Structure formats: C-alpha cells, structure tokens
N, C-alpha and C. Protein backbone atom coordinates (compact mmCIF):
# COMPACT_ATOMS: atom_id res chain seq x y z
N LEU A 1 31.48 -12.01 -86.77
CA LEU A 1 32.97 -11.96 -87.10
C LEU A 1 33.47 -11.09 -85.98
N ALA A 2 32.75 -9.85 -85.75
CA ALA A 2 33.52 -9.15 -84.32
C ALA A 2 33.65 -9.72 -83.04
N PHE A 3 32.43 -10.89 -82.82
CA PHE A 3 31.90 -11.86 -82.20
C PHE A 3 33.95 -12.12 -81.75
N PHE A 4 33.34 -13.06 -83.15
CA PHE A 4 35.40 -13.49 -83.04
C PHE A 4 36.11 -13.53 -82.50
N SER A 5 36.57 -11.88 -83.28
CA SER A 5 37.49 -11.03 -83.22
C SER A 5 37.78 -10.94 -81.70
N SER A 6 36.49 -10.26 -80.60
CA SER A 6 36.28 -9.61 -79.59
C SER A 6 36.99 -11.16 -78.77
N LEU A 7 36.35 -12.47 -78.80
CA LEU A 7 36.59 -13.37 -78.02
C LEU A 7 37.75 -14.57 -78.30
N GLN A 8 38.64 -13.63 -79.41
CA GLN A 8 40.01 -14.05 -79.57
C GLN A 8 40.45 -13.06 -78.19
N VAL A 9 40.50 -11.42 -78.66
CA VAL A 9 40.92 -10.80 -77.84
C VAL A 9 40.95 -11.08 -75.83
N PHE A 10 39.58 -11.89 -75.95
CA PHE A 10 38.69 -12.24 -74.41
C PHE A 10 40.05 -13.46 -74.75
N VAL A 11 40.46 -14.33 -75.15
CA VAL A 11 40.78 -15.74 -74.56
C VAL A 11 42.78 -15.92 -74.13
N GLU A 12 42.92 -14.84 -75.69
CA GLU A 12 44.76 -14.32 -75.31
C GLU A 12 44.78 -13.25 -74.71
N THR A 13 43.76 -12.35 -73.42
CA THR A 13 43.59 -11.79 -72.26
C THR A 13 44.13 -13.14 -71.30
N LEU A 14 43.21 -13.64 -71.36
CA LEU A 14 43.20 -14.71 -69.88
C LEU A 14 44.44 -15.29 -70.27
N ASP A 15 45.33 -15.82 -71.51
CA ASP A 15 46.29 -15.91 -71.28
C ASP A 15 47.35 -15.56 -70.88
N LYS A 16 47.02 -14.24 -71.15
CA LYS A 16 48.41 -13.17 -70.60
C LYS A 16 48.64 -12.92 -69.25
N CYS A 17 47.24 -13.08 -68.24
CA CYS A 17 46.93 -12.92 -67.01
C CYS A 17 46.76 -14.18 -66.12
N PHE A 18 46.81 -15.03 -66.77
CA PHE A 18 47.15 -16.28 -66.05
C PHE A 18 48.36 -17.46 -66.64
N GLU A 19 49.19 -16.91 -67.85
CA GLU A 19 50.30 -17.37 -68.21
C GLU A 19 49.81 -19.13 -68.44
N ASN A 20 49.21 -18.87 -69.73
CA ASN A 20 49.26 -20.59 -70.47
C ASN A 20 47.56 -20.59 -69.26
N VAL A 21 46.76 -20.08 -69.45
CA VAL A 21 45.20 -20.17 -68.93
C VAL A 21 44.48 -21.66 -69.03
N CYS A 22 44.39 -22.46 -68.49
CA CYS A 22 43.67 -24.15 -68.53
C CYS A 22 42.04 -23.78 -67.59
N GLU A 23 40.97 -24.75 -68.04
CA GLU A 23 40.20 -24.88 -67.19
C GLU A 23 40.12 -24.80 -65.39
N LEU A 24 41.21 -25.04 -65.29
CA LEU A 24 41.06 -24.71 -63.27
C LEU A 24 41.40 -23.46 -63.42
N ASP A 25 41.44 -22.75 -64.19
CA ASP A 25 42.25 -20.83 -63.50
C ASP A 25 41.03 -20.79 -63.81
N LEU A 26 40.20 -20.20 -65.15
CA LEU A 26 38.47 -20.10 -64.71
C LEU A 26 37.92 -20.60 -63.50
N ILE A 27 37.78 -21.90 -63.41
CA ILE A 27 36.77 -22.46 -62.23
C ILE A 27 37.60 -21.92 -61.03
N PHE A 28 38.79 -21.91 -60.46
CA PHE A 28 38.88 -21.24 -59.23
C PHE A 28 39.80 -19.95 -58.90
N HIS A 29 39.34 -19.15 -60.49
CA HIS A 29 39.66 -17.64 -60.40
C HIS A 29 38.05 -17.29 -61.39
N VAL A 30 37.12 -17.67 -60.85
CA VAL A 30 36.11 -17.06 -62.08
C VAL A 30 35.74 -15.17 -61.10
N ASP A 31 36.62 -14.75 -59.82
CA ASP A 31 36.16 -13.22 -59.65
C ASP A 31 37.54 -12.50 -61.01
N LYS A 32 38.11 -13.26 -61.20
CA LYS A 32 39.56 -12.42 -62.02
C LYS A 32 39.14 -12.50 -63.55
N VAL A 33 38.43 -13.60 -63.84
CA VAL A 33 37.66 -13.74 -65.12
C VAL A 33 36.84 -12.95 -65.25
N HIS A 34 35.62 -12.71 -64.30
CA HIS A 34 34.89 -11.98 -64.53
C HIS A 34 35.00 -10.17 -64.79
N ASN A 35 36.56 -10.35 -63.64
CA ASN A 35 36.72 -8.95 -64.25
C ASN A 35 36.90 -8.30 -65.64
N ILE A 36 38.12 -9.59 -65.83
CA ILE A 36 38.49 -9.22 -67.68
C ILE A 36 37.40 -9.33 -68.30
N LEU A 37 36.09 -9.72 -67.76
CA LEU A 37 35.12 -9.50 -69.16
C LEU A 37 34.68 -8.35 -68.91
N ALA A 38 34.51 -8.08 -67.31
CA ALA A 38 33.81 -6.75 -67.43
C ALA A 38 34.58 -5.35 -67.90
N GLU A 39 35.63 -5.47 -68.09
CA GLU A 39 36.87 -4.47 -68.66
C GLU A 39 36.72 -4.16 -70.64
N MET A 40 36.41 -5.80 -70.27
CA MET A 40 35.94 -6.08 -72.55
C MET A 40 34.46 -4.94 -72.40
N VAL A 41 33.84 -5.75 -71.57
CA VAL A 41 31.94 -5.47 -71.90
C VAL A 41 31.55 -4.92 -71.37
N MET A 42 30.54 -3.61 -71.56
CA MET A 42 29.56 -3.31 -70.24
C MET A 42 27.92 -3.06 -71.44
N GLY A 43 27.24 -3.30 -70.69
CA GLY A 43 26.16 -3.12 -70.60
C GLY A 43 25.66 -3.94 -72.22
N GLY A 44 26.75 -5.22 -72.87
CA GLY A 44 26.55 -6.00 -74.17
C GLY A 44 26.82 -5.62 -74.83
N MET A 45 28.14 -4.37 -74.94
CA MET A 45 28.52 -3.96 -75.93
C MET A 45 30.49 -3.56 -75.85
N VAL A 46 31.15 -4.55 -76.60
CA VAL A 46 32.56 -4.42 -76.45
C VAL A 46 33.18 -3.08 -76.16
N LEU A 47 33.57 -2.24 -75.80
CA LEU A 47 34.28 -1.22 -75.09
C LEU A 47 35.43 -1.35 -75.60
N GLU A 48 36.29 -2.18 -74.97
CA GLU A 48 37.44 -2.28 -74.67
C GLU A 48 38.35 -3.61 -75.65
N THR A 49 39.46 -3.54 -76.70
CA THR A 49 39.97 -4.61 -77.40
C THR A 49 41.33 -4.47 -77.33
N ASN A 50 41.71 -3.67 -76.66
CA ASN A 50 42.97 -3.07 -76.89
C ASN A 50 43.82 -4.45 -75.09
N MET A 51 44.03 -5.49 -76.18
CA MET A 51 44.61 -6.41 -74.85
C MET A 51 45.77 -5.72 -73.89
N ASN A 52 46.39 -4.87 -74.63
CA ASN A 52 47.24 -4.17 -73.76
C ASN A 52 46.51 -3.07 -71.78
N GLU A 53 46.10 -2.37 -72.83
CA GLU A 53 45.10 -1.35 -71.55
C GLU A 53 44.61 -2.74 -70.94
N ILE A 54 43.59 -3.65 -71.42
CA ILE A 54 42.68 -4.07 -70.12
C ILE A 54 43.24 -5.19 -69.19
N VAL A 55 44.95 -5.70 -69.94
CA VAL A 55 45.93 -6.07 -68.62
C VAL A 55 46.73 -4.85 -67.61
N THR A 56 46.49 -3.71 -67.95
CA THR A 56 47.00 -2.62 -67.28
C THR A 56 46.47 -2.23 -66.46
N GLN A 57 45.33 -2.49 -66.38
CA GLN A 57 43.72 -2.21 -66.02
C GLN A 57 43.98 -3.38 -64.33
N ILE A 58 43.83 -4.88 -64.97
CA ILE A 58 43.29 -5.65 -63.96
C ILE A 58 44.57 -5.61 -63.47
N ASP A 59 46.11 -4.97 -63.89
CA ASP A 59 46.69 -5.68 -63.09
C ASP A 59 47.32 -4.55 -61.51
N ALA A 60 46.42 -3.51 -62.06
CA ALA A 60 46.17 -2.09 -61.35
C ALA A 60 45.19 -2.39 -60.32
N GLN A 61 44.14 -3.48 -60.52
CA GLN A 61 43.41 -3.71 -59.59
C GLN A 61 43.86 -4.70 -58.56
N ASN A 62 44.80 -5.76 -59.10
CA ASN A 62 45.14 -6.70 -58.51
C ASN A 62 45.75 -5.86 -56.96
N LYS A 63 46.87 -4.58 -57.45
CA LYS A 63 47.32 -4.40 -56.93
C LYS A 63 46.81 -3.29 -55.77
N LEU A 64 45.45 -2.88 -56.05
CA LEU A 64 44.46 -2.44 -55.09
C LEU A 64 44.29 -3.84 -53.83
N GLU A 65 43.44 -4.26 -54.84
CA GLU A 65 43.43 -5.85 -53.86
C GLU A 65 44.40 -6.14 -53.03
N LYS A 66 45.51 -6.07 -53.34
CA LYS A 66 46.44 -5.98 -52.31
C LYS A 66 46.84 -5.85 -50.98
N SER A 67 46.38 -3.99 -51.84
CA SER A 67 46.67 -3.13 -50.73
C SER A 67 45.93 -3.30 -49.61
N GLU A 68 44.65 -3.82 -49.88
CA GLU A 68 43.75 -3.34 -49.31
C GLU A 68 43.25 -4.73 -48.87
N ALA A 69 44.32 -6.36 -48.50
CA ALA A 69 44.30 -7.17 -47.69
C ALA A 69 44.36 -6.99 -46.73
N GLY A 70 45.29 -5.64 -46.05
CA GLY A 70 45.58 -6.20 -45.10
C GLY A 70 44.45 -5.15 -43.90
N LEU A 71 43.72 -4.13 -44.61
CA LEU A 71 42.77 -3.78 -43.84
C LEU A 71 41.80 -5.33 -43.47
N ALA A 72 41.55 -6.50 -43.74
CA ALA A 72 40.64 -7.76 -43.90
C ALA A 72 41.18 -8.22 -41.66
N GLY A 73 42.15 -7.79 -41.68
CA GLY A 73 42.45 -8.52 -40.16
C GLY A 73 42.15 -6.93 -39.48
N ALA A 74 41.86 -5.74 -39.70
CA ALA A 74 41.89 -4.68 -38.29
C ALA A 74 40.83 -5.31 -37.50
N PRO A 75 39.25 -6.01 -38.14
CA PRO A 75 38.68 -5.92 -36.63
C PRO A 75 39.47 -6.84 -35.80
N ALA A 76 40.45 -8.06 -35.77
CA ALA A 76 40.91 -8.85 -35.14
C ALA A 76 41.91 -8.05 -34.33
N ARG A 77 42.23 -6.92 -34.93
CA ARG A 77 43.52 -6.21 -33.87
C ARG A 77 42.56 -4.95 -33.42
N ALA A 78 41.59 -4.64 -33.29
CA ALA A 78 40.68 -3.71 -32.62
C ALA A 78 40.62 -4.80 -31.68
N VAL A 79 40.16 -5.62 -31.68
CA VAL A 79 39.38 -6.74 -30.46
C VAL A 79 40.88 -7.02 -29.44
N SER A 80 42.06 -7.46 -30.09
CA SER A 80 42.65 -7.52 -29.47
C SER A 80 43.53 -6.25 -28.73
N ALA A 81 43.18 -5.13 -29.46
CA ALA A 81 44.33 -3.99 -28.49
C ALA A 81 43.02 -3.28 -27.36
N VAL A 82 41.84 -3.74 -27.40
CA VAL A 82 40.78 -3.33 -26.55
C VAL A 82 41.36 -4.74 -25.38
N LYS A 83 41.70 -5.32 -25.64
CA LYS A 83 42.05 -6.71 -24.52
C LYS A 83 43.14 -6.12 -23.89
N ASN A 84 44.11 -5.01 -24.74
CA ASN A 84 45.39 -4.95 -23.85
C ASN A 84 45.07 -3.91 -23.74
N MET A 85 43.92 -2.90 -23.45
CA MET A 85 44.21 -1.69 -22.63
C MET A 85 43.83 -2.30 -20.71
N ASN A 86 44.78 -1.50 -20.18
CA ASN A 86 44.64 -1.61 -18.87
C ASN A 86 43.14 -0.65 -18.48
N LEU A 87 41.76 -0.54 -18.42
CA LEU A 87 40.95 0.36 -18.16
C LEU A 87 40.62 0.31 -16.36
N PRO A 88 40.31 1.31 -16.02
CA PRO A 88 40.04 1.74 -14.49
C PRO A 88 38.34 0.61 -14.01
N GLU A 89 38.51 0.49 -12.99
CA GLU A 89 36.89 -0.07 -13.05
C GLU A 89 35.76 0.27 -13.98
N ILE A 90 35.44 -0.58 -14.29
CA ILE A 90 34.39 -0.05 -15.02
C ILE A 90 32.61 0.02 -14.67
N PRO A 91 32.63 1.80 -14.62
CA PRO A 91 30.73 2.49 -13.71
C PRO A 91 29.96 1.84 -13.86
N ARG A 92 29.42 1.53 -12.85
CA ARG A 92 28.31 0.64 -12.65
C ARG A 92 27.24 0.69 -13.26
N ASN A 93 27.33 2.40 -12.51
CA ASN A 93 25.47 3.14 -13.06
C ASN A 93 26.65 4.34 -14.02
N ILE A 94 25.95 4.45 -14.79
CA ILE A 94 26.18 6.09 -15.24
C ILE A 94 24.83 6.63 -15.49
N ASN A 95 25.17 7.83 -14.63
CA ASN A 95 23.72 9.25 -14.86
C ASN A 95 24.16 10.43 -15.47
N ILE A 96 23.17 10.79 -16.21
CA ILE A 96 23.25 11.73 -17.33
C ILE A 96 21.75 12.41 -18.02
N GLY A 97 22.09 13.53 -16.66
CA GLY A 97 20.74 13.96 -16.53
C GLY A 97 19.47 13.24 -15.84
N ASP A 98 18.54 14.09 -16.21
CA ASP A 98 17.88 12.46 -15.24
C ASP A 98 17.47 11.41 -15.37
N ILE A 99 18.70 10.81 -16.93
CA ILE A 99 18.62 9.60 -16.94
C ILE A 99 19.75 8.45 -16.30
N SER A 100 19.66 7.85 -15.84
CA SER A 100 20.84 6.96 -15.11
C SER A 100 20.22 5.60 -16.16
N ILE A 101 21.24 5.31 -15.05
CA ILE A 101 21.60 3.85 -16.64
C ILE A 101 22.51 2.55 -16.22
N LYS A 102 22.07 1.39 -15.60
CA LYS A 102 23.05 0.58 -14.13
C LYS A 102 23.66 -0.42 -15.87
N VAL A 103 24.94 -0.36 -15.64
CA VAL A 103 26.04 -1.33 -16.87
C VAL A 103 25.89 -2.53 -16.27
N PRO A 104 25.16 -3.61 -16.69
CA PRO A 104 25.36 -5.35 -16.23
C PRO A 104 27.15 -5.53 -16.16
N ASN A 105 27.17 -6.90 -15.20
CA ASN A 105 28.40 -7.46 -15.05
C ASN A 105 29.05 -7.91 -16.70
N LEU A 106 29.83 -7.95 -17.02
CA LEU A 106 29.73 -8.29 -18.54
C LEU A 106 31.54 -9.05 -17.60
N PRO A 107 31.65 -10.39 -18.59
CA PRO A 107 32.72 -11.13 -18.45
C PRO A 107 34.07 -10.28 -18.96
N SER A 108 34.96 -11.14 -18.45
CA SER A 108 36.06 -10.30 -18.45
C SER A 108 36.82 -11.08 -20.12
N PHE A 109 37.42 -9.99 -20.64
CA PHE A 109 37.62 -10.19 -21.80
C PHE A 109 39.15 -11.65 -22.06
N LYS A 110 40.14 -11.45 -21.45
CA LYS A 110 40.97 -11.82 -20.66
C LYS A 110 40.86 -13.85 -20.89
C-alpha cells in the first residue's frame, strides 16, 4: 500500500513538473525524471512524499542549471580572447637558470 502511495506521488509530481506528462516527456527528459525520483527515494527508502517540497527542490535545481549554462561557453570565450590579444614577438629561447628551453614555431591563431 505504501508503494502505491509513493508511486501516486511520483506520477502526480511528474504531472506537475511536465504539465500533462506523457511517455515522450519521460524519454526525452530522463535526467529530469531521475532528479525527481532522487528527491523522493534514497538508498531504496522513500524519504520525501510531500509533492510541493519535491517540486520546490526541482525548481531550485533547474534555476541553478540555467545559471550555470553560461559557463559552458567559457572555453570558447577564452580561446577568442587569446586570439584577439596583441602579443609581442614570441620568444624563441627561454632561459631559466641553467635550463634553456627552445620554443618551436607555432602556427598562427588567426
């Protein structure tokens, strides 16, 4: 009986999060479904059955993911910044104490 009750909470939570959940939502948003289930169940035990609390936590997680989405473009912005830098002549020999490093000819970034 407890299993069916928690299953009912899971389905109702899915319906709230996806607004009329269907099979395609489950297929194309597996990560979101997994997050909802992870909010409810941990270590095989049902820990949360309050649908409003689950939805609140999922919404907070979605906001965090959206705020971090801007970080995905950081590597491209870094490469672009290096390309746009006006560097003087690249040194061909670097001497550090007794160590001498010869820098190979590198292709241009531009």
